[in-house]
PDB file of N, CA and C in Angstrom:
ATOM      1  N   MET A   1       0.853  -1.178   0.000  1.00  0.00           N
ATOM      2  CA  MET A   1       0.000   0.000   0.000  1.00  0.00           C
ATOM      3  C   MET A   1       0.889   1.228   0.000  1.00  0.00           C
ATOM      4  N   SER A   2       0.640   2.114  -0.927  1.00  0.00           N
ATOM      5  CA  SER A   2       1.424   3.345  -0.957  1.00  0.00           C
ATOM      6  C   SER A   2       0.500   4.527  -0.700  1.00  0.00           C
ATOM      7  N   ILE A   3       1.113   5.621  -0.307  1.00  0.00           N
ATOM      8  CA  ILE A   3       0.342   6.827  -0.016  1.00  0.00           C
ATOM      9  C   ILE A   3      -0.048   7.493  -1.317  1.00  0.00           C
ATOM     10  N   ASP A   4      -1.302   7.855  -1.439  1.00  0.00           N
ATOM     11  CA  ASP A   4      -1.793   8.589  -2.595  1.00  0.00           C
ATOM     12  C   ASP A   4      -1.343  10.032  -2.450  1.00  0.00           C
ATOM     13  N   THR A   5      -0.313  10.421  -3.217  1.00  0.00           N
ATOM     14  CA  THR A   5       0.240  11.766  -3.069  1.00  0.00           C
ATOM     15  C   THR A   5      -0.663  12.839  -3.675  1.00  0.00           C
ATOM     16  N   THR A   6      -1.747  12.444  -4.358  1.00  0.00           N
ATOM     17  CA  THR A   6      -2.686  13.447  -4.856  1.00  0.00           C
ATOM     18  C   THR A   6      -3.588  13.932  -3.723  1.00  0.00           C
ATOM     19  N   LYS A   7      -3.675  13.153  -2.662  1.00  0.00           N
ATOM     20  CA  LYS A   7      -4.470  13.524  -1.496  1.00  0.00           C
ATOM     21  C   LYS A   7      -3.514  13.961  -0.397  1.00  0.00           C
ATOM     22  N   LYS A   8      -3.681  15.150   0.094  1.00  0.00           N
ATOM     23  CA  LYS A   8      -2.784  15.671   1.118  1.00  0.00           C
ATOM     24  C   LYS A   8      -3.378  15.432   2.498  1.00  0.00           C
ATOM     25  N   PHE A   9      -2.527  15.015   3.411  1.00  0.00           N
ATOM     26  CA  PHE A   9      -2.919  14.793   4.792  1.00  0.00           C
ATOM     27  C   PHE A   9      -2.221  15.843   5.620  1.00  0.00           C
ATOM     28  N   GLU A  10      -2.926  16.455   6.527  1.00  0.00           N
ATOM     29  CA  GLU A  10      -2.358  17.512   7.344  1.00  0.00           C
ATOM     30  C   GLU A  10      -2.255  17.058   8.791  1.00  0.00           C
ATOM     31  N   VAL A  11      -1.051  17.139   9.321  1.00  0.00           N
ATOM     32  CA  VAL A  11      -0.811  16.798  10.715  1.00  0.00           C
ATOM     33  C   VAL A  11       0.006  17.925  11.336  1.00  0.00           C
ATOM     34  N   SER A  12       0.005  17.977  12.653  1.00  0.00           N
ATOM     35  CA  SER A  12       0.792  19.010  13.331  1.00  0.00           C
ATOM     36  C   SER A  12       1.865  18.351  14.185  1.00  0.00           C
ATOM     37  N   LEU A  13       2.885  19.119  14.514  1.00  0.00           N
ATOM     38  CA  LEU A  13       3.978  18.600  15.318  1.00  0.00           C
ATOM     39  C   LEU A  13       3.531  18.241  16.728  1.00  0.00           C
ATOM     40  N   GLU A  14       2.424  18.795  17.181  1.00  0.00           N
ATOM     41  CA  GLU A  14       1.925  18.521  18.526  1.00  0.00           C
ATOM     42  C   GLU A  14       1.134  17.228  18.607  1.00  0.00           C
ATOM     43  N   MET A  15       0.710  16.707  17.460  1.00  0.00           N
ATOM     44  CA  MET A  15      -0.091  15.484  17.440  1.00  0.00           C
ATOM     45  C   MET A  15       0.770  14.291  17.833  1.00  0.00           C
ATOM     46  N   THR A  16       0.147  13.338  18.496  1.00  0.00           N
ATOM     47  CA  THR A  16       0.868  12.108  18.821  1.00  0.00           C
ATOM     48  C   THR A  16       0.892  11.214  17.580  1.00  0.00           C
ATOM     49  N   MET A  17       1.792  10.253  17.581  1.00  0.00           N
ATOM     50  CA  MET A  17       1.860   9.313  16.466  1.00  0.00           C
ATOM     51  C   MET A  17       0.559   8.524  16.365  1.00  0.00           C
ATOM     52  N   ASP A  18      -0.073   8.251  17.488  1.00  0.00           N
ATOM     53  CA  ASP A  18      -1.353   7.559  17.496  1.00  0.00           C
ATOM     54  C   ASP A  18      -2.414   8.395  16.768  1.00  0.00           C
ATOM     55  N   ASP A  19      -2.456   9.694  17.071  1.00  0.00           N
ATOM     56  CA  ASP A  19      -3.406  10.587  16.398  1.00  0.00           C
ATOM     57  C   ASP A  19      -3.123  10.659  14.902  1.00  0.00           C
ATOM     58  N   ILE A  20      -1.841  10.742  14.557  1.00  0.00           N
ATOM     59  CA  ILE A  20      -1.463  10.840  13.145  1.00  0.00           C
ATOM     60  C   ILE A  20      -1.895   9.591  12.392  1.00  0.00           C
ATOM     61  N   MET A  21      -1.623   8.414  12.961  1.00  0.00           N
ATOM     62  CA  MET A  21      -2.005   7.165  12.281  1.00  0.00           C
ATOM     63  C   MET A  21      -3.520   7.002  12.224  1.00  0.00           C
ATOM     64  N   SER A  22      -4.228   7.509  13.223  1.00  0.00           N
ATOM     65  CA  SER A  22      -5.690   7.430  13.216  1.00  0.00           C
ATOM     66  C   SER A  22      -6.284   8.369  12.166  1.00  0.00           C
ATOM     67  N   LYS A  23      -5.718   9.561  12.061  1.00  0.00           N
ATOM     68  CA  LYS A  23      -6.222  10.561  11.119  1.00  0.00           C
ATOM     69  C   LYS A  23      -5.845  10.208   9.685  1.00  0.00           C
ATOM     70  N   SER A  24      -4.648   9.681   9.513  1.00  0.00           N
ATOM     71  CA  SER A  24      -4.129   9.366   8.181  1.00  0.00           C
ATOM     72  C   SER A  24      -3.551   7.955   8.175  1.00  0.00           C
ATOM     73  N   PRO A  25      -4.403   6.935   8.128  1.00  0.00           N
ATOM     74  CA  PRO A  25      -3.910   5.559   8.185  1.00  0.00           C
ATOM     75  C   PRO A  25      -2.898   5.234   7.083  1.00  0.00           C
ATOM     76  N   GLU A  26      -2.938   5.982   6.002  1.00  0.00           N
ATOM     77  CA  GLU A  26      -2.005   5.763   4.909  1.00  0.00           C
ATOM     78  C   GLU A  26      -0.561   5.984   5.340  1.00  0.00           C
ATOM     79  N   VAL A  27      -0.352   6.735   6.414  1.00  0.00           N
ATOM     80  CA  VAL A  27       0.998   7.013   6.893  1.00  0.00           C
ATOM     81  C   VAL A  27       1.645   5.755   7.476  1.00  0.00           C
ATOM     82  N   ILE A  28       0.856   4.768   7.830  1.00  0.00           N
ATOM     83  CA  ILE A  28       1.386   3.544   8.431  1.00  0.00           C
ATOM     84  C   ILE A  28       2.381   2.868   7.495  1.00  0.00           C
ATOM     85  N   SER A  29       2.038   2.765   6.213  1.00  0.00           N
ATOM     86  CA  SER A  29       2.960   2.120   5.272  1.00  0.00           C
ATOM     87  C   SER A  29       4.248   2.927   5.143  1.00  0.00           C
ATOM     88  N   PHE A  30       4.139   4.253   5.211  1.00  0.00           N
ATOM     89  CA  PHE A  30       5.330   5.111   5.177  1.00  0.00           C
ATOM     90  C   PHE A  30       6.219   4.814   6.382  1.00  0.00           C
ATOM     91  N   LEU A  31       5.631   4.722   7.561  1.00  0.00           N
ATOM     92  CA  LEU A  31       6.395   4.467   8.774  1.00  0.00           C
ATOM     93  C   LEU A  31       7.093   3.110   8.703  1.00  0.00           C
ATOM     94  N   LEU A  32       6.365   2.090   8.281  1.00  0.00           N
ATOM     95  CA  LEU A  32       6.946   0.753   8.192  1.00  0.00           C
ATOM     96  C   LEU A  32       8.061   0.704   7.158  1.00  0.00           C
ATOM     97  N   LYS A  33       7.853   1.376   6.038  1.00  0.00           N
ATOM     98  CA  LYS A  33       8.874   1.432   4.983  1.00  0.00           C
ATOM     99  C   LYS A  33      10.161   2.057   5.514  1.00  0.00           C
ATOM    100  N   ASN A  34      10.028   2.994   6.433  1.00  0.00           N
ATOM    101  CA  ASN A  34      11.178   3.687   7.008  1.00  0.00           C
ATOM    102  C   ASN A  34      11.643   3.041   8.308  1.00  0.00           C
ATOM    103  N   LYS A  35      11.222   1.788   8.512  1.00  0.00           N
ATOM    104  CA  LYS A  35      11.623   0.988   9.676  1.00  0.00           C
ATOM    105  C   LYS A  35      11.257   1.646  11.005  1.00  0.00           C
ATOM    106  N   MET A  36      10.154   2.376  10.999  1.00  0.00           N
ATOM    107  CA  MET A  36       9.617   2.980  12.221  1.00  0.00           C
ATOM    108  C   MET A  36       8.418   2.128  12.625  1.00  0.00           C
ATOM    109  N   HIS A  37       8.589   1.352  13.647  1.00  0.00           N
ATOM    110  CA  HIS A  37       7.555   0.409  14.048  1.00  0.00           C
ATOM    111  C   HIS A  37       6.608   1.016  15.085  1.00  0.00           C
ATOM    112  N   CYS A  38       6.046   2.159  14.718  1.00  0.00           N
ATOM    113  CA  CYS A  38       5.119   2.858  15.605  1.00  0.00           C
ATOM    114  C   CYS A  38       3.803   2.093  15.747  1.00  0.00           C
ATOM    115  N   VAL A  39       3.464   1.334  14.726  1.00  0.00           N
ATOM    116  CA  VAL A  39       2.221   0.567  14.752  1.00  0.00           C
ATOM    117  C   VAL A  39       2.311  -0.466  15.872  1.00  0.00           C
ATOM    118  N   GLY A  40       1.398  -0.379  16.815  1.00  0.00           N
ATOM    119  CA  GLY A  40       1.376  -1.311  17.924  1.00  0.00           C
ATOM    120  C   GLY A  40       2.292  -0.950  19.079  1.00  0.00           C
ATOM    121  N   CYS A  41       3.071   0.104  18.923  1.00  0.00           N
ATOM    122  CA  CYS A  41       3.980   0.518  19.995  1.00  0.00           C
ATOM    123  C   CYS A  41       3.173   1.130  21.144  1.00  0.00           C
ATOM    124  N   LEU A  42       3.560   0.813  22.349  1.00  0.00           N
ATOM    125  CA  LEU A  42       2.846   1.335  23.520  1.00  0.00           C
ATOM    126  C   LEU A  42       3.068   2.833  23.728  1.00  0.00           C
ATOM    127  N   LEU A  43       4.052   3.411  23.052  1.00  0.00           N
ATOM    128  CA  LEU A  43       4.356   4.829  23.242  1.00  0.00           C
ATOM    129  C   LEU A  43       3.653   5.752  22.245  1.00  0.00           C
ATOM    130  N   THR A  44       2.988   5.191  21.221  1.00  0.00           N
ATOM    131  CA  THR A  44       2.356   6.050  20.213  1.00  0.00           C
ATOM    132  C   THR A  44       1.314   7.012  20.773  1.00  0.00           C
ATOM    133  N   PRO A  45       0.617   6.682  21.866  1.00  0.00           N
ATOM    134  CA  PRO A  45      -0.321   7.683  22.402  1.00  0.00           C
ATOM    135  C   PRO A  45       0.386   8.880  23.040  1.00  0.00           C
ATOM    136  N   PHE A  46       1.693   8.765  23.229  1.00  0.00           N
ATOM    137  CA  PHE A  46       2.438   9.824  23.909  1.00  0.00           C
ATOM    138  C   PHE A  46       3.500  10.476  23.029  1.00  0.00           C
ATOM    139  N   HIS A  47       4.020   9.743  22.038  1.00  0.00           N
ATOM    140  CA  HIS A  47       5.109  10.249  21.207  1.00  0.00           C
ATOM    141  C   HIS A  47       4.624  11.153  20.088  1.00  0.00           C
ATOM    142  N   THR A  48       5.324  12.259  19.919  1.00  0.00           N
ATOM    143  CA  THR A  48       5.101  13.155  18.786  1.00  0.00           C
ATOM    144  C   THR A  48       6.062  12.753  17.675  1.00  0.00           C
ATOM    145  N   ILE A  49       6.030  13.475  16.558  1.00  0.00           N
ATOM    146  CA  ILE A  49       6.981  13.235  15.471  1.00  0.00           C
ATOM    147  C   ILE A  49       8.404  13.400  15.996  1.00  0.00           C
ATOM    148  N   SER A  50       8.628  14.426  16.804  1.00  0.00           N
ATOM    149  CA  SER A  50       9.966  14.671  17.363  1.00  0.00           C
ATOM    150  C   SER A  50      10.429  13.490  18.213  1.00  0.00           C
ATOM    151  N   ASP A  51       9.543  12.997  19.056  1.00  0.00           N
ATOM    152  CA  ASP A  51       9.881  11.868  19.917  1.00  0.00           C
ATOM    153  C   ASP A  51      10.200  10.620  19.089  1.00  0.00           C
ATOM    154  N   ALA A  52       9.380  10.371  18.087  1.00  0.00           N
ATOM    155  CA  ALA A  52       9.585   9.192  17.239  1.00  0.00           C
ATOM    156  C   ALA A  52      10.903   9.299  16.480  1.00  0.00           C
ATOM    157  N   ALA A  53      11.206  10.480  15.968  1.00  0.00           N
ATOM    158  CA  ALA A  53      12.470  10.679  15.263  1.00  0.00           C
ATOM    159  C   ALA A  53      13.644  10.413  16.208  1.00  0.00           C
ATOM    160  N   PHE A  54      13.549  10.930  17.415  1.00  0.00           N
ATOM    161  CA  PHE A  54      14.604  10.731  18.406  1.00  0.00           C
ATOM    162  C   PHE A  54      14.789   9.249  18.723  1.00  0.00           C
ATOM    163  N   GLU A  55      13.685   8.561  18.986  1.00  0.00           N
ATOM    164  CA  GLU A  55      13.750   7.145  19.358  1.00  0.00           C
ATOM    165  C   GLU A  55      14.322   6.277  18.241  1.00  0.00           C
ATOM    166  N   HIS A  56      14.059   6.672  16.992  1.00  0.00           N
ATOM    167  CA  HIS A  56      14.520   5.880  15.852  1.00  0.00           C
ATOM    168  C   HIS A  56      15.821   6.413  15.269  1.00  0.00           C
ATOM    169  N   GLU A  57      16.414   7.388  15.976  1.00  0.00           N
ATOM    170  CA  GLU A  57      17.677   7.998  15.554  1.00  0.00           C
ATOM    171  C   GLU A  57      17.615   8.522  14.128  1.00  0.00           C
ATOM    172  N   ILE A  58      16.518   9.217  13.829  1.00  0.00           N
ATOM    173  CA  ILE A  58      16.300   9.835  12.526  1.00  0.00           C
ATOM    174  C   ILE A  58      16.283  11.343  12.739  1.00  0.00           C
ATOM    175  N   ASP A  59      16.939  12.075  11.855  1.00  0.00           N
ATOM    176  CA  ASP A  59      16.914  13.523  11.934  1.00  0.00           C
ATOM    177  C   ASP A  59      15.477  14.007  11.745  1.00  0.00           C
ATOM    178  N   GLU A  60      14.994  14.811  12.698  1.00  0.00           N
ATOM    179  CA  GLU A  60      13.596  15.256  12.662  1.00  0.00           C
ATOM    180  C   GLU A  60      13.279  16.031  11.387  1.00  0.00           C
ATOM    181  N   ASP A  61      14.157  16.936  10.986  1.00  0.00           N
ATOM    182  CA  ASP A  61      13.912  17.721   9.769  1.00  0.00           C
ATOM    183  C   ASP A  61      13.862  16.831   8.531  1.00  0.00           C
ATOM    184  N   ALA A  62      14.730  15.817   8.497  1.00  0.00           N
ATOM    185  CA  ALA A  62      14.722  14.882   7.373  1.00  0.00           C
ATOM    186  C   ALA A  62      13.430  14.069   7.359  1.00  0.00           C
ATOM    187  N   LEU A  63      12.967  13.659   8.538  1.00  0.00           N
ATOM    188  CA  LEU A  63      11.709  12.911   8.631  1.00  0.00           C
ATOM    189  C   LEU A  63      10.544  13.765   8.154  1.00  0.00           C
ATOM    190  N   ILE A  64      10.503  15.010   8.587  1.00  0.00           N
ATOM    191  CA  ILE A  64       9.432  15.914   8.171  1.00  0.00           C
ATOM    192  C   ILE A  64       9.480  16.127   6.657  1.00  0.00           C
ATOM    193  N   ALA A  65      10.678  16.279   6.110  1.00  0.00           N
ATOM    194  CA  ALA A  65      10.824  16.451   4.653  1.00  0.00           C
ATOM    195  C   ALA A  65      10.306  15.222   3.920  1.00  0.00           C
ATOM    196  N   GLN A  66      10.612  14.029   4.430  1.00  0.00           N
ATOM    197  CA  GLN A  66      10.130  12.793   3.808  1.00  0.00           C
ATOM    198  C   GLN A  66       8.609  12.687   3.896  1.00  0.00           C
ATOM    199  N   LEU A  67       8.051  13.095   5.033  1.00  0.00           N
ATOM    200  CA  LEU A  67       6.596  13.083   5.176  1.00  0.00           C
ATOM    201  C   LEU A  67       5.956  14.013   4.162  1.00  0.00           C
ATOM    202  N   LYS A  68       6.559  15.178   3.950  1.00  0.00           N
ATOM    203  CA  LYS A  68       6.015  16.143   2.987  1.00  0.00           C
ATOM    204  C   LYS A  68       6.069  15.580   1.567  1.00  0.00           C
ATOM    205  N   VAL A  69       7.174  14.910   1.226  1.00  0.00           N
ATOM    206  CA  VAL A  69       7.284  14.285  -0.096  1.00  0.00           C
ATOM    207  C   VAL A  69       6.207  13.227  -0.276  1.00  0.00           C
ATOM    208  N   ALA A  70       5.868  12.549   0.818  1.00  0.00           N
ATOM    209  CA  ALA A  70       4.853  11.490   0.780  1.00  0.00           C
ATOM    210  C   ALA A  70       3.424  12.061   0.768  1.00  0.00           C
ATOM    211  N   GLY A  71       3.304  13.393   0.764  1.00  0.00           N
ATOM    212  CA  GLY A  71       1.985  14.001   0.687  1.00  0.00           C
ATOM    213  C   GLY A  71       1.374  14.322   2.037  1.00  0.00           C
ATOM    214  N   ILE A  72       2.183  14.298   3.064  1.00  0.00           N
ATOM    215  CA  ILE A  72       1.692  14.589   4.411  1.00  0.00           C
ATOM    216  C   ILE A  72       2.188  15.966   4.799  1.00  0.00           C
ATOM    217  N   ILE A  73       1.276  16.876   5.012  1.00  0.00           N
ATOM    218  CA  ILE A  73       1.622  18.249   5.353  1.00  0.00           C
ATOM    219  C   ILE A  73       1.803  18.332   6.852  1.00  0.00           C
ATOM    220  N   VAL A  74       2.992  18.764   7.268  1.00  0.00           N
ATOM    221  CA  VAL A  74       3.304  18.865   8.685  1.00  0.00           C
ATOM    222  C   VAL A  74       3.326  20.346   9.050  1.00  0.00           C
ATOM    223  N   LYS A  75       2.393  20.748   9.900  1.00  0.00           N
ATOM    224  CA  LYS A  75       2.330  22.136  10.349  1.00  0.00           C
ATOM    225  C   LYS A  75       2.951  22.252  11.730  1.00  0.00           C
ATOM    226  N   ALA A  76       3.630  23.348  11.941  1.00  0.00           N
ATOM    227  CA  ALA A  76       4.265  23.587  13.250  1.00  0.00           C
ATOM    228  C   ALA A  76       3.233  23.895  14.293  1.00  0.00           C
TER     229      ALA A  76
END
């Protein structure tokens, strides 16, 4: 399953990963593709994009840029 880049999903940096996956289930395949196993993680109700990037040792700005390329609009 790939993200339909013609449809834009809007998320904010304050949203938890759980909220993001609930609002935009298409992001799940993006996360798994990037070896981010947020799906089923007990911390998703508490972790933001920043927290997830930190835990997975991914540069937050690079993660946000990748999300934007995938059609996910990240608002501050």
